[in-house]
Amino acid sequence: MPAPLPIHDPDDPRIAPYRAVRERDVVGRGERFVGEGEVVLRLLLAPDCRHEVESVLVSERRIEGLGDLLAPLPPETPLYVADQAVMDAVVGFHIHRGVLAIGRRAPALGAAELLASLPERALVVALVGVSNHDNVGAIFRNAAAFGADAVLLDASSCDPLYRKAIRVSVGASLITPFARGGTGSEMLDALEAAGFETLALSPAGAVRLGDVERAPRAALMLGAEGPGLPESLMARAKTVRIDMAAGFDSLNVATTGAVALYALTRG
């Protein structure tokens, strides 16, 4: 574990990337992102995580109990330690978990490149217009739990390395391969070119989820709550519905994804 570097001043320039976490999340951080909590840091340091840890900031009350977790940190990685008051002043709110890290993004993958790297039998989750951070984080958590191979997001969907999305995903967005960018139509083009059958979830879907015979390469496409998927995209896919009680056909998009992933991966 690197030698801890004490921080006594919230304005210390060494910890500038941690300053005003909430406000800076809104405007973005470029190549950097923030990981919050012990579980997230553990996955950020896992061998299968493509991203790098730039630095770690830990509260004094947590440092003694984190020796095993911090042991994989390269010795040159700054490990900052501050009391609770200093940490709270830096980030702009009470950081009760007492563990933060600045990560540096791995080079971005395009959809075609990512799909080409997947095995002959693969399952992908494709998101169109899903901009809510909680939903994106929960969908990544579901994708990891049910063994999906990757997630595709169009440009209007939330960045899965937004701090809150990482936290809600319990770090799954750090280890699940993803590509983000372009339009939903371009996403479908890439899926078709790579031999994927796209299953578009909709309350008005033509096929019951329980009747779907999954193709070797399948993509589960989800849209934003409310508007759902555009008709132009559903016209190019197999539309699938989850049967529900009469008079109510509304499920949270992350819950919909979980139900469908369970059905497609567990039969």
C-alpha atoms as a PDB file:
ATOM      1  CA  MET A   1       0.000   0.000   0.000  1.00  0.00           C
ATOM      2  CA  PRO A   2       1.363   3.462  -0.810  1.00  0.00           C
ATOM      3  CA  ALA A   3       2.363   5.648   2.115  1.00  0.00           C
ATOM      4  CA  PRO A   4      -0.633   7.809   3.142  1.00  0.00           C
ATOM      5  CA  LEU A   5      -0.362  11.515   2.346  1.00  0.00           C
ATOM      6  CA  PRO A   6      -2.098  13.659   5.025  1.00  0.00           C
ATOM      7  CA  ILE A   7      -4.408  16.433   3.818  1.00  0.00           C
ATOM      8  CA  HIS A   8      -5.283  19.187   6.291  1.00  0.00           C
ATOM      9  CA  ASP A   9      -6.523  21.941   3.978  1.00  0.00           C
ATOM     10  CA  PRO A  10      -9.612  21.504   1.747  1.00  0.00           C
ATOM     11  CA  ASP A  11      -7.969  23.876  -0.739  1.00  0.00           C
ATOM     12  CA  ASP A  12      -4.864  21.711  -1.095  1.00  0.00           C
ATOM     13  CA  PRO A  13      -4.201  21.668  -4.880  1.00  0.00           C
ATOM     14  CA  ARG A  14      -3.266  17.984  -4.784  1.00  0.00           C
ATOM     15  CA  ILE A  15      -6.913  17.046  -4.223  1.00  0.00           C
ATOM     16  CA  ALA A  16      -8.437  19.502  -6.705  1.00  0.00           C
ATOM     17  CA  PRO A  17     -10.046  16.692  -8.791  1.00  0.00           C
ATOM     18  CA  TYR A  18     -12.221  15.808  -5.764  1.00  0.00           C
ATOM     19  CA  ARG A  19     -13.491  19.331  -5.202  1.00  0.00           C
ATOM     20  CA  ALA A  20     -17.250  20.071  -5.529  1.00  0.00           C
ATOM     21  CA  VAL A  21     -18.094  16.549  -6.649  1.00  0.00           C
ATOM     22  CA  ARG A  22     -21.796  17.126  -7.320  1.00  0.00           C
ATOM     23  CA  GLU A  23     -21.325  20.283  -9.360  1.00  0.00           C
ATOM     24  CA  ARG A  24     -18.530  18.818 -11.432  1.00  0.00           C
ATOM     25  CA  ASP A  25     -20.555  15.681 -12.130  1.00  0.00           C
ATOM     26  CA  VAL A  26     -23.091  17.884 -13.871  1.00  0.00           C
ATOM     27  CA  VAL A  27     -20.576  19.382 -16.277  1.00  0.00           C
ATOM     28  CA  GLY A  28     -18.451  16.274 -16.745  1.00  0.00           C
ATOM     29  CA  ARG A  29     -14.847  15.420 -16.004  1.00  0.00           C
ATOM     30  CA  GLY A  30     -13.393  14.496 -19.376  1.00  0.00           C
ATOM     31  CA  GLU A  31     -11.126  11.488 -19.017  1.00  0.00           C
ATOM     32  CA  ARG A  32     -11.628  11.343 -15.246  1.00  0.00           C
ATOM     33  CA  PHE A  33     -14.475   9.936 -13.175  1.00  0.00           C
ATOM     34  CA  VAL A  34     -15.243   9.571  -9.463  1.00  0.00           C
ATOM     35  CA  GLY A  35     -15.690   6.253  -7.673  1.00  0.00           C
ATOM     36  CA  GLU A  36     -17.392   6.298  -4.279  1.00  0.00           C
ATOM     37  CA  GLY A  37     -17.355   3.609  -1.609  1.00  0.00           C
ATOM     38  CA  GLU A  38     -15.405   0.504  -0.691  1.00  0.00           C
ATOM     39  CA  VAL A  39     -17.218  -1.870  -3.056  1.00  0.00           C
ATOM     40  CA  VAL A  40     -16.702   0.435  -6.035  1.00  0.00           C
ATOM     41  CA  LEU A  41     -13.016   0.905  -5.252  1.00  0.00           C
ATOM     42  CA  ARG A  42     -12.573  -2.865  -4.972  1.00  0.00           C
ATOM     43  CA  LEU A  43     -13.948  -3.322  -8.500  1.00  0.00           C
ATOM     44  CA  LEU A  44     -11.919  -0.389  -9.825  1.00  0.00           C
ATOM     45  CA  LEU A  45      -8.815  -2.205  -8.595  1.00  0.00           C
ATOM     46  CA  ALA A  46      -9.947  -5.597  -9.948  1.00  0.00           C
ATOM     47  CA  PRO A  47      -7.802  -7.219 -12.674  1.00  0.00           C
ATOM     48  CA  ASP A  48     -10.676  -7.172 -15.189  1.00  0.00           C
ATOM     49  CA  CYS A  49     -11.272  -3.427 -14.857  1.00  0.00           C
ATOM     50  CA  ARG A  50      -9.980  -1.578 -17.939  1.00  0.00           C
ATOM     51  CA  HIS A  51      -9.807   1.777 -16.164  1.00  0.00           C
ATOM     52  CA  GLU A  52      -6.940   3.087 -14.041  1.00  0.00           C
ATOM     53  CA  VAL A  53      -6.907   4.545 -10.543  1.00  0.00           C
ATOM     54  CA  GLU A  54      -5.346   7.999 -10.545  1.00  0.00           C
ATOM     55  CA  SER A  55      -5.590   8.655  -6.797  1.00  0.00           C
ATOM     56  CA  VAL A  56      -7.552   7.695  -3.659  1.00  0.00           C
ATOM     57  CA  LEU A  57      -8.926   9.882  -0.874  1.00  0.00           C
ATOM     58  CA  VAL A  58      -9.843   8.135   2.394  1.00  0.00           C
ATOM     59  CA  SER A  59     -11.064   9.433   5.730  1.00  0.00           C
ATOM     60  CA  GLU A  60      -8.813   8.944   8.751  1.00  0.00           C
ATOM     61  CA  ARG A  61     -11.388   6.736  10.467  1.00  0.00           C
ATOM     62  CA  ARG A  62     -11.373   4.240   7.566  1.00  0.00           C
ATOM     63  CA  ILE A  63      -7.706   3.931   6.678  1.00  0.00           C
ATOM     64  CA  GLU A  64      -6.782   1.255   9.227  1.00  0.00           C
ATOM     65  CA  GLY A  65      -9.513  -1.095   8.087  1.00  0.00           C
ATOM     66  CA  LEU A  66      -8.758  -0.786   4.376  1.00  0.00           C
ATOM     67  CA  GLY A  67      -5.293  -2.312   4.251  1.00  0.00           C
ATOM     68  CA  ASP A  68      -6.317  -5.363   2.204  1.00  0.00           C
ATOM     69  CA  LEU A  69      -8.377  -3.276  -0.198  1.00  0.00           C
ATOM     70  CA  LEU A  70      -5.629  -0.704  -0.787  1.00  0.00           C
ATOM     71  CA  ALA A  71      -2.802  -3.223  -1.025  1.00  0.00           C
ATOM     72  CA  PRO A  72      -3.074  -3.568  -4.858  1.00  0.00           C
ATOM     73  CA  LEU A  73      -2.557   0.161  -5.358  1.00  0.00           C
ATOM     74  CA  PRO A  74       0.717   0.786  -7.216  1.00  0.00           C
ATOM     75  CA  PRO A  75       3.214   2.484  -4.889  1.00  0.00           C
ATOM     76  CA  GLU A  76       3.255   5.609  -7.079  1.00  0.00           C
ATOM     77  CA  THR A  77      -0.518   6.130  -6.780  1.00  0.00           C
ATOM     78  CA  PRO A  78      -1.287   8.994  -4.360  1.00  0.00           C
ATOM     79  CA  LEU A  79      -3.247   7.847  -1.307  1.00  0.00           C
ATOM     80  CA  TYR A  80      -4.609  10.929   0.445  1.00  0.00           C
ATOM     81  CA  VAL A  81      -5.951  10.806   4.006  1.00  0.00           C
ATOM     82  CA  ALA A  82      -8.082  13.516   5.608  1.00  0.00           C
ATOM     83  CA  ASP A  83     -10.372  13.911   8.583  1.00  0.00           C
ATOM     84  CA  GLN A  84     -14.123  13.871   8.009  1.00  0.00           C
ATOM     85  CA  ALA A  85     -14.524  17.647   8.139  1.00  0.00           C
ATOM     86  CA  VAL A  86     -11.899  18.176   5.453  1.00  0.00           C
ATOM     87  CA  MET A  87     -13.407  15.489   3.214  1.00  0.00           C
ATOM     88  CA  ASP A  88     -16.866  16.979   3.528  1.00  0.00           C
ATOM     89  CA  ALA A  89     -15.547  20.455   2.739  1.00  0.00           C
ATOM     90  CA  VAL A  90     -13.743  19.156  -0.348  1.00  0.00           C
ATOM     91  CA  VAL A  91     -16.576  17.208  -1.940  1.00  0.00           C
ATOM     92  CA  GLY A  92     -19.389  19.543  -0.868  1.00  0.00           C
ATOM     93  CA  PHE A  93     -21.538  17.092   1.120  1.00  0.00           C
ATOM     94  CA  HIS A  94     -21.181  14.554   3.930  1.00  0.00           C
ATOM     95  CA  ILE A  95     -19.289  11.645   2.430  1.00  0.00           C
ATOM     96  CA  HIS A  96     -20.295   9.010   4.985  1.00  0.00           C
ATOM     97  CA  ARG A  97     -18.632   6.134   3.131  1.00  0.00           C
ATOM     98  CA  GLY A  98     -15.267   7.815   3.633  1.00  0.00           C
ATOM     99  CA  VAL A  99     -13.767   6.381   0.430  1.00  0.00           C
ATOM    100  CA  LEU A 100     -13.334   8.190  -2.891  1.00  0.00           C
ATOM    101  CA  ALA A 101     -11.163   7.543  -5.912  1.00  0.00           C
ATOM    102  CA  ILE A 102     -10.387   9.360  -9.129  1.00  0.00           C
ATOM    103  CA  GLY A 103     -10.291   7.006 -12.074  1.00  0.00           C
ATOM    104  CA  ARG A 104      -9.031   7.570 -15.585  1.00  0.00           C
ATOM    105  CA  ARG A 105     -11.115   6.191 -18.418  1.00  0.00           C
ATOM    106  CA  ALA A 106      -9.819   3.475 -20.684  1.00  0.00           C
ATOM    107  CA  PRO A 107      -9.865   4.351 -24.403  1.00  0.00           C
ATOM    108  CA  ALA A 108     -13.466   4.395 -25.621  1.00  0.00           C
ATOM    109  CA  LEU A 109     -14.700   1.505 -27.743  1.00  0.00           C
ATOM    110  CA  GLY A 110     -17.033   1.920 -30.690  1.00  0.00           C
ATOM    111  CA  ALA A 111     -20.092  -0.303 -30.963  1.00  0.00           C
ATOM    112  CA  ALA A 112     -18.768  -2.248 -33.960  1.00  0.00           C
ATOM    113  CA  GLU A 113     -15.399  -2.831 -32.294  1.00  0.00           C
ATOM    114  CA  LEU A 114     -17.006  -4.011 -29.060  1.00  0.00           C
ATOM    115  CA  LEU A 115     -19.480  -6.334 -30.790  1.00  0.00           C
ATOM    116  CA  ALA A 116     -16.708  -7.874 -32.900  1.00  0.00           C
ATOM    117  CA  SER A 117     -14.843  -8.821 -29.718  1.00  0.00           C
ATOM    118  CA  LEU A 118     -17.740 -10.822 -28.254  1.00  0.00           C
ATOM    119  CA  PRO A 119     -18.105 -14.626 -28.486  1.00  0.00           C
ATOM    120  CA  GLU A 120     -20.332 -16.400 -31.022  1.00  0.00           C
ATOM    121  CA  ARG A 121     -23.045 -16.765 -28.377  1.00  0.00           C
ATOM    122  CA  ALA A 122     -23.518 -13.399 -26.724  1.00  0.00           C
ATOM    123  CA  LEU A 123     -26.155 -11.261 -25.074  1.00  0.00           C
ATOM    124  CA  VAL A 124     -26.020  -7.461 -25.247  1.00  0.00           C
ATOM    125  CA  VAL A 125     -28.175  -4.804 -23.587  1.00  0.00           C
ATOM    126  CA  ALA A 126     -28.858  -1.790 -25.821  1.00  0.00           C
ATOM    127  CA  LEU A 127     -30.156   1.483 -24.332  1.00  0.00           C
ATOM    128  CA  VAL A 128     -31.828   4.271 -26.297  1.00  0.00           C
ATOM    129  CA  GLY A 129     -32.576   7.573 -24.587  1.00  0.00           C
ATOM    130  CA  VAL A 130     -32.147   6.216 -21.042  1.00  0.00           C
ATOM    131  CA  SER A 131     -30.808   9.372 -19.408  1.00  0.00           C
ATOM    132  CA  ASN A 132     -31.685   8.724 -15.763  1.00  0.00           C
ATOM    133  CA  HIS A 133     -28.518   7.948 -13.777  1.00  0.00           C
ATOM    134  CA  ASP A 134     -30.278   5.586 -11.365  1.00  0.00           C
ATOM    135  CA  ASN A 135     -31.803   3.562 -14.203  1.00  0.00           C
ATOM    136  CA  VAL A 136     -28.540   3.274 -16.116  1.00  0.00           C
ATOM    137  CA  GLY A 137     -26.698   2.217 -12.961  1.00  0.00           C
ATOM    138  CA  ALA A 138     -29.369  -0.370 -12.123  1.00  0.00           C
ATOM    139  CA  ILE A 139     -29.348  -1.743 -15.680  1.00  0.00           C
ATOM    140  CA  PHE A 140     -25.579  -2.234 -15.514  1.00  0.00           C
ATOM    141  CA  ARG A 141     -26.017  -3.990 -12.175  1.00  0.00           C
ATOM    142  CA  ASN A 142     -28.609  -6.294 -13.751  1.00  0.00           C
ATOM    143  CA  ALA A 143     -26.427  -6.904 -16.798  1.00  0.00           C
ATOM    144  CA  ALA A 144     -23.540  -8.009 -14.597  1.00  0.00           C
ATOM    145  CA  ALA A 145     -25.777 -10.127 -12.363  1.00  0.00           C
ATOM    146  CA  PHE A 146     -27.245 -12.092 -15.271  1.00  0.00           C
ATOM    147  CA  GLY A 147     -24.057 -12.382 -17.295  1.00  0.00           C
ATOM    148  CA  ALA A 148     -24.732 -10.043 -20.219  1.00  0.00           C
ATOM    149  CA  ASP A 149     -21.595  -9.640 -22.302  1.00  0.00           C
ATOM    150  CA  ALA A 150     -21.808  -5.893 -22.974  1.00  0.00           C
ATOM    151  CA  VAL A 151     -23.978  -2.785 -22.929  1.00  0.00           C
ATOM    152  CA  LEU A 152     -24.486  -0.345 -25.799  1.00  0.00           C
ATOM    153  CA  LEU A 153     -25.783   3.182 -25.160  1.00  0.00           C
ATOM    154  CA  ASP A 154     -26.780   5.825 -27.646  1.00  0.00           C
ATOM    155  CA  ALA A 155     -25.423   9.350 -27.218  1.00  0.00           C
ATOM    156  CA  SER A 156     -28.570  10.543 -25.424  1.00  0.00           C
ATOM    157  CA  SER A 157     -28.248   7.908 -22.689  1.00  0.00           C
ATOM    158  CA  CYS A 158     -26.474   8.653 -19.412  1.00  0.00           C
ATOM    159  CA  ASP A 159     -22.733   8.197 -19.167  1.00  0.00           C
ATOM    160  CA  PRO A 160     -22.318   4.976 -17.125  1.00  0.00           C
ATOM    161  CA  LEU A 161     -19.185   6.437 -15.503  1.00  0.00           C
ATOM    162  CA  TYR A 162     -21.133   9.275 -13.938  1.00  0.00           C
ATOM    163  CA  ARG A 163     -20.529   9.002 -10.176  1.00  0.00           C
ATOM    164  CA  LYS A 164     -24.129   8.208  -9.270  1.00  0.00           C
ATOM    165  CA  ALA A 165     -24.473   5.654 -12.066  1.00  0.00           C
ATOM    166  CA  ILE A 166     -21.332   3.884 -10.847  1.00  0.00           C
ATOM    167  CA  ARG A 167     -22.617   3.910  -7.275  1.00  0.00           C
ATOM    168  CA  VAL A 168     -26.065   2.547  -8.181  1.00  0.00           C
ATOM    169  CA  SER A 169     -24.461  -0.127 -10.368  1.00  0.00           C
ATOM    170  CA  VAL A 170     -22.366  -1.170  -7.330  1.00  0.00           C
ATOM    171  CA  GLY A 171     -19.343  -0.835  -9.603  1.00  0.00           C
ATOM    172  CA  ALA A 172     -20.738  -3.015 -12.411  1.00  0.00           C
ATOM    173  CA  SER A 173     -20.290  -0.208 -14.944  1.00  0.00           C
ATOM    174  CA  LEU A 174     -16.542  -0.367 -14.255  1.00  0.00           C
ATOM    175  CA  ILE A 175     -16.213  -4.003 -15.286  1.00  0.00           C
ATOM    176  CA  THR A 176     -18.992  -4.493 -17.855  1.00  0.00           C
ATOM    177  CA  PRO A 177     -17.769  -3.648 -21.386  1.00  0.00           C
ATOM    178  CA  PHE A 178     -19.737  -0.820 -22.957  1.00  0.00           C
ATOM    179  CA  ALA A 179     -19.798   1.518 -25.926  1.00  0.00           C
ATOM    180  CA  ARG A 180     -21.638   4.833 -25.964  1.00  0.00           C
ATOM    181  CA  GLY A 181     -22.384   7.174 -28.843  1.00  0.00           C
ATOM    182  CA  GLY A 182     -24.333   7.666 -32.033  1.00  0.00           C
ATOM    183  CA  THR A 183     -28.043   7.217 -32.607  1.00  0.00           C
ATOM    184  CA  GLY A 184     -30.347   4.314 -31.948  1.00  0.00           C
ATOM    185  CA  SER A 185     -30.492   3.673 -35.686  1.00  0.00           C
ATOM    186  CA  GLU A 186     -26.697   3.495 -35.906  1.00  0.00           C
ATOM    187  CA  MET A 187     -26.698   1.134 -32.926  1.00  0.00           C
ATOM    188  CA  LEU A 188     -29.113  -1.174 -34.764  1.00  0.00           C
ATOM    189  CA  ASP A 189     -26.931  -1.010 -37.870  1.00  0.00           C
ATOM    190  CA  ALA A 190     -23.948  -2.209 -35.826  1.00  0.00           C
ATOM    191  CA  LEU A 191     -25.982  -4.985 -34.203  1.00  0.00           C
ATOM    192  CA  GLU A 192     -27.292  -6.213 -37.540  1.00  0.00           C
ATOM    193  CA  ALA A 193     -23.840  -6.139 -39.103  1.00  0.00           C
ATOM    194  CA  ALA A 194     -22.493  -8.241 -36.215  1.00  0.00           C
ATOM    195  CA  GLY A 195     -25.249 -10.850 -36.584  1.00  0.00           C
ATOM    196  CA  PHE A 196     -27.367  -9.921 -33.550  1.00  0.00           C
ATOM    197  CA  GLU A 197     -31.133 -10.328 -33.364  1.00  0.00           C
ATOM    198  CA  THR A 198     -32.586  -7.330 -31.532  1.00  0.00           C
ATOM    199  CA  LEU A 199     -35.449  -7.839 -29.084  1.00  0.00           C
ATOM    200  CA  ALA A 200     -37.208  -4.525 -28.453  1.00  0.00           C
ATOM    201  CA  LEU A 201     -39.150  -4.394 -25.174  1.00  0.00           C
ATOM    202  CA  SER A 202     -42.544  -2.714 -25.369  1.00  0.00           C
ATOM    203  CA  PRO A 203     -45.916  -3.141 -23.620  1.00  0.00           C
ATOM    204  CA  ALA A 204     -47.352  -3.589 -27.116  1.00  0.00           C
ATOM    205  CA  GLY A 205     -44.750  -6.158 -28.186  1.00  0.00           C
ATOM    206  CA  ALA A 206     -45.894  -8.810 -30.673  1.00  0.00           C
ATOM    207  CA  VAL A 207     -44.244 -11.731 -28.846  1.00  0.00           C
ATOM    208  CA  ARG A 208     -44.587 -12.768 -25.198  1.00  0.00           C
ATOM    209  CA  LEU A 209     -41.234 -12.810 -23.407  1.00  0.00           C
ATOM    210  CA  GLY A 210     -41.854 -16.401 -22.343  1.00  0.00           C
ATOM    211  CA  ASP A 211     -42.259 -17.452 -25.987  1.00  0.00           C
ATOM    212  CA  VAL A 212     -38.993 -15.956 -27.225  1.00  0.00           C
ATOM    213  CA  GLU A 213     -36.489 -18.402 -28.672  1.00  0.00           C
ATOM    214  CA  ARG A 214     -33.216 -16.618 -28.115  1.00  0.00           C
ATOM    215  CA  ALA A 215     -30.836 -16.430 -31.040  1.00  0.00           C
ATOM    216  CA  PRO A 216     -27.150 -17.219 -30.395  1.00  0.00           C
ATOM    217  CA  ARG A 217     -26.399 -13.501 -30.685  1.00  0.00           C
ATOM    218  CA  ALA A 218     -29.156 -11.435 -29.120  1.00  0.00           C
ATOM    219  CA  ALA A 219     -29.580  -7.821 -28.071  1.00  0.00           C
ATOM    220  CA  LEU A 220     -32.153  -6.638 -25.549  1.00  0.00           C
ATOM    221  CA  MET A 221     -33.165  -3.074 -26.449  1.00  0.00           C
ATOM    222  CA  LEU A 222     -34.695  -0.780 -23.820  1.00  0.00           C
ATOM    223  CA  GLY A 223     -36.012   2.770 -24.134  1.00  0.00           C
ATOM    224  CA  ALA A 224     -36.682   5.606 -21.732  1.00  0.00           C
ATOM    225  CA  GLU A 225     -39.589   5.407 -19.327  1.00  0.00           C
ATOM    226  CA  GLY A 226     -42.612   7.172 -20.725  1.00  0.00           C
ATOM    227  CA  PRO A 227     -41.830   7.555 -24.430  1.00  0.00           C
ATOM    228  CA  GLY A 228     -40.273   4.101 -24.752  1.00  0.00           C
ATOM    229  CA  LEU A 229     -38.511   3.091 -27.957  1.00  0.00           C
ATOM    230  CA  PRO A 230     -39.119   5.023 -31.184  1.00  0.00           C
ATOM    231  CA  GLU A 231     -41.457   3.297 -33.646  1.00  0.00           C
ATOM    232  CA  SER A 232     -38.751   3.478 -36.318  1.00  0.00           C
ATOM    233  CA  LEU A 233     -36.468   1.272 -34.216  1.00  0.00           C
ATOM    234  CA  MET A 234     -39.169  -1.188 -33.177  1.00  0.00           C
ATOM    235  CA  ALA A 235     -40.069  -1.647 -36.852  1.00  0.00           C
ATOM    236  CA  ARG A 236     -36.585  -3.055 -37.409  1.00  0.00           C
ATOM    237  CA  ALA A 237     -36.604  -5.407 -34.400  1.00  0.00           C
ATOM    238  CA  LYS A 238     -38.609  -8.253 -32.883  1.00  0.00           C
ATOM    239  CA  THR A 239     -40.932  -6.567 -30.395  1.00  0.00           C
ATOM    240  CA  VAL A 240     -41.366  -8.363 -27.072  1.00  0.00           C
ATOM    241  CA  ARG A 241     -43.796  -7.768 -24.213  1.00  0.00           C
ATOM    242  CA  ILE A 242     -43.900  -8.799 -20.560  1.00  0.00           C
ATOM    243  CA  ASP A 243     -47.438  -9.815 -19.676  1.00  0.00           C
ATOM    244  CA  MET A 244     -48.802  -7.979 -16.636  1.00  0.00           C
ATOM    245  CA  ALA A 245     -52.014  -7.665 -14.677  1.00  0.00           C
ATOM    246  CA  ALA A 246     -54.970  -6.238 -16.564  1.00  0.00           C
ATOM    247  CA  GLY A 247     -55.214  -2.466 -16.440  1.00  0.00           C
ATOM    248  CA  PHE A 248     -51.562  -1.807 -15.615  1.00  0.00           C
ATOM    249  CA  ASP A 249     -48.682  -2.153 -18.047  1.00  0.00           C
ATOM    250  CA  SER A 250     -45.966   0.016 -16.529  1.00  0.00           C
ATOM    251  CA  LEU A 251     -42.643  -1.316 -15.195  1.00  0.00           C
ATOM    252  CA  ASN A 252     -39.536   0.664 -14.351  1.00  0.00           C
ATOM    253  CA  VAL A 253     -37.064   0.276 -17.232  1.00  0.00           C
ATOM    254  CA  ALA A 254     -34.416  -1.286 -14.985  1.00  0.00           C
ATOM    255  CA  THR A 255     -36.976  -3.760 -13.605  1.00  0.00           C
ATOM    256  CA  THR A 256     -38.069  -4.577 -17.149  1.00  0.00           C
ATOM    257  CA  GLY A 257     -34.463  -5.246 -18.050  1.00  0.00           C
ATOM    258  CA  ALA A 258     -33.983  -7.520 -15.045  1.00  0.00           C
ATOM    259  CA  VAL A 259     -37.074  -9.606 -15.853  1.00  0.00           C
ATOM    260  CA  ALA A 260     -36.063  -9.949 -19.505  1.00  0.00           C
ATOM    261  CA  LEU A 261     -32.433 -10.764 -18.714  1.00  0.00           C
ATOM    262  CA  TYR A 262     -33.524 -13.464 -16.281  1.00  0.00           C
ATOM    263  CA  ALA A 263     -35.817 -14.995 -18.905  1.00  0.00           C
ATOM    264  CA  LEU A 264     -33.198 -14.876 -21.660  1.00  0.00           C
ATOM    265  CA  THR A 265     -30.368 -16.271 -19.557  1.00  0.00           C
ATOM    266  CA  ARG A 266     -32.254 -18.774 -17.372  1.00  0.00           C
ATOM    267  CA  GLY A 267     -34.931 -19.975 -19.783  1.00  0.00           C
END
